[in-house]
Amino acid sequence: MVDETQTDDVEVQAGQPTTPIVDWDDSEMKSSHANVVNATSSREEVNLFFGTNETWKATETKEFHVKLNNRIVLSPFAAKRLWILLGAVLKQYEKRFGPIDITPGKPGGKS
């Protein structure tokens, strides 16, 4: 992946830098499903934990079993860029499909 902060290789035409071309190499990409996410942070990093809620009868046991399958470690700067990017994506999604309601007790919300 090309770091968007590097501009040494960008040609300048008529005093204006051209937009760098990013080559997204997906040859080793893997897909995972997650319906649960959690986050922690320290001064140096932000940790995102992704997993799947495997609880079938939560009303009977009052316990949830979440199988964590991915941890993503980000610098605070990358985390902030992700926060901005996700906000923009969700704004577009809600514009097309309507608001996402995460109120407790509603579909998609916590119970």
Protein backbone atom coordinates (compact mmCIF):
# COMPACT_ATOMS: atom_id res chain seq x y z
CA MET A 1 0.00 0.00 0.00
CA VAL A 2 1.22 3.48 -0.83
CA ASP A 3 1.52 5.94 2.05
CA GLU A 4 -0.51 9.00 1.08
CA THR A 5 1.88 11.24 3.03
CA GLN A 6 4.79 10.46 0.70
CA THR A 7 5.04 13.04 -2.04
CA ASP A 8 8.64 12.56 -3.19
CA ASP A 9 7.57 10.51 -6.22
CA VAL A 10 4.72 12.83 -7.24
CA GLU A 11 5.48 14.82 -10.35
CA VAL A 12 4.72 18.51 -10.32
CA GLN A 13 3.05 19.96 -13.41
CA ALA A 14 2.52 23.69 -13.74
CA GLY A 15 3.24 24.19 -10.04
CA GLN A 16 0.48 21.75 -8.95
CA PRO A 17 1.19 18.25 -7.59
CA THR A 18 -0.68 15.48 -9.34
CA THR A 19 -2.76 13.04 -7.33
CA PRO A 20 -0.78 9.91 -6.42
CA ILE A 21 -2.14 6.64 -7.75
CA VAL A 22 -2.73 4.00 -5.06
CA ASP A 23 -2.30 0.38 -6.13
CA TRP A 24 -4.56 -1.69 -3.83
CA ASP A 25 -2.99 -5.17 -3.79
CA ASP A 26 -5.76 -7.56 -2.70
CA SER A 27 -3.92 -10.75 -3.69
CA GLU A 28 -3.58 -11.87 -0.04
CA MET A 29 -6.73 -10.30 1.36
CA LYS A 30 -8.95 -12.39 3.63
CA SER A 31 -12.55 -11.68 4.57
CA SER A 32 -14.00 -12.17 8.04
CA HIS A 33 -17.50 -11.67 9.40
CA ALA A 34 -18.01 -9.77 12.65
CA ASN A 35 -21.21 -8.78 14.42
CA VAL A 36 -19.37 -7.61 17.55
CA VAL A 37 -16.63 -4.99 17.87
CA ASN A 38 -14.81 -3.55 20.86
CA ALA A 39 -11.93 -1.12 21.24
CA THR A 40 -9.25 -0.23 23.76
CA SER A 41 -6.48 2.32 23.63
CA SER A 42 -3.23 3.41 25.19
CA ARG A 43 -1.10 6.46 24.45
CA GLU A 44 0.67 4.66 21.59
CA GLU A 45 -2.05 2.52 19.98
CA VAL A 46 -5.73 1.81 19.46
CA ASN A 47 -6.82 -1.84 19.44
CA LEU A 48 -9.95 -2.96 17.61
CA PHE A 49 -11.31 -6.42 18.44
CA PHE A 50 -13.72 -8.10 16.03
CA GLY A 51 -15.71 -11.22 16.73
CA THR A 52 -18.93 -13.14 16.39
CA ASN A 53 -21.64 -13.45 19.03
CA GLU A 54 -22.29 -17.20 19.20
CA THR A 55 -25.00 -17.05 21.88
CA TRP A 56 -28.26 -18.67 20.84
CA LYS A 57 -30.30 -18.53 24.06
CA ALA A 58 -29.12 -15.36 25.82
CA THR A 59 -32.45 -14.83 27.55
CA GLU A 60 -32.08 -18.17 29.37
CA THR A 61 -28.42 -17.95 30.42
CA LYS A 62 -27.87 -14.15 30.69
CA GLU A 63 -24.37 -14.86 29.32
CA PHE A 64 -22.92 -14.10 25.94
CA HIS A 65 -20.16 -16.02 24.22
CA VAL A 66 -18.22 -13.90 21.73
CA LYS A 67 -15.54 -15.60 19.68
CA LEU A 68 -12.87 -13.02 18.87
CA ASN A 69 -11.25 -13.66 15.50
CA ASN A 70 -9.37 -10.47 14.57
CA ARG A 71 -7.42 -7.76 16.35
CA ILE A 72 -6.35 -4.67 14.46
CA VAL A 73 -3.72 -2.42 16.07
CA LEU A 74 -3.65 1.18 14.83
CA SER A 75 -1.66 4.27 15.64
CA PRO A 76 -3.86 7.04 17.08
CA PHE A 77 -3.43 8.92 13.78
CA ALA A 78 -4.60 5.95 11.69
CA ALA A 79 -7.49 5.43 14.13
CA LYS A 80 -8.61 9.04 13.67
CA ARG A 81 -8.48 8.67 9.88
CA LEU A 82 -10.55 5.45 10.21
CA TRP A 83 -13.07 7.27 12.41
CA ILE A 84 -13.47 10.02 9.77
CA LEU A 85 -13.71 7.47 6.95
CA LEU A 86 -16.31 5.33 8.73
CA GLY A 87 -18.35 8.43 9.56
CA ALA A 88 -18.42 9.40 5.87
CA VAL A 89 -19.33 5.86 4.76
CA LEU A 90 -22.17 5.63 7.31
CA LYS A 91 -23.45 9.06 6.31
CA GLN A 92 -23.66 7.89 2.68
CA TYR A 93 -25.31 4.62 3.76
CA GLU A 94 -28.00 6.41 5.80
CA LYS A 95 -28.61 8.84 2.95
CA ARG A 96 -29.34 5.90 0.64
CA PHE A 97 -31.08 3.48 3.02
CA GLY A 98 -32.32 5.54 5.97
CA PRO A 99 -31.11 5.97 9.54
CA ILE A 100 -29.48 3.10 11.42
CA ASP A 101 -31.25 2.71 14.77
CA ILE A 102 -29.10 1.12 17.48
CA THR A 103 -31.63 1.71 20.26
CA PRO A 104 -31.73 -1.18 22.78
CA GLY A 105 -34.44 -3.74 21.99
CA LYS A 106 -34.64 -2.87 18.28
CA PRO A 107 -33.22 -4.94 15.41
CA GLY A 108 -29.50 -4.24 15.21
CA GLY A 109 -29.47 -2.69 18.68
CA LYS A 110 -28.41 -4.20 21.97
CA SER A 111 -30.99 -6.19 23.88
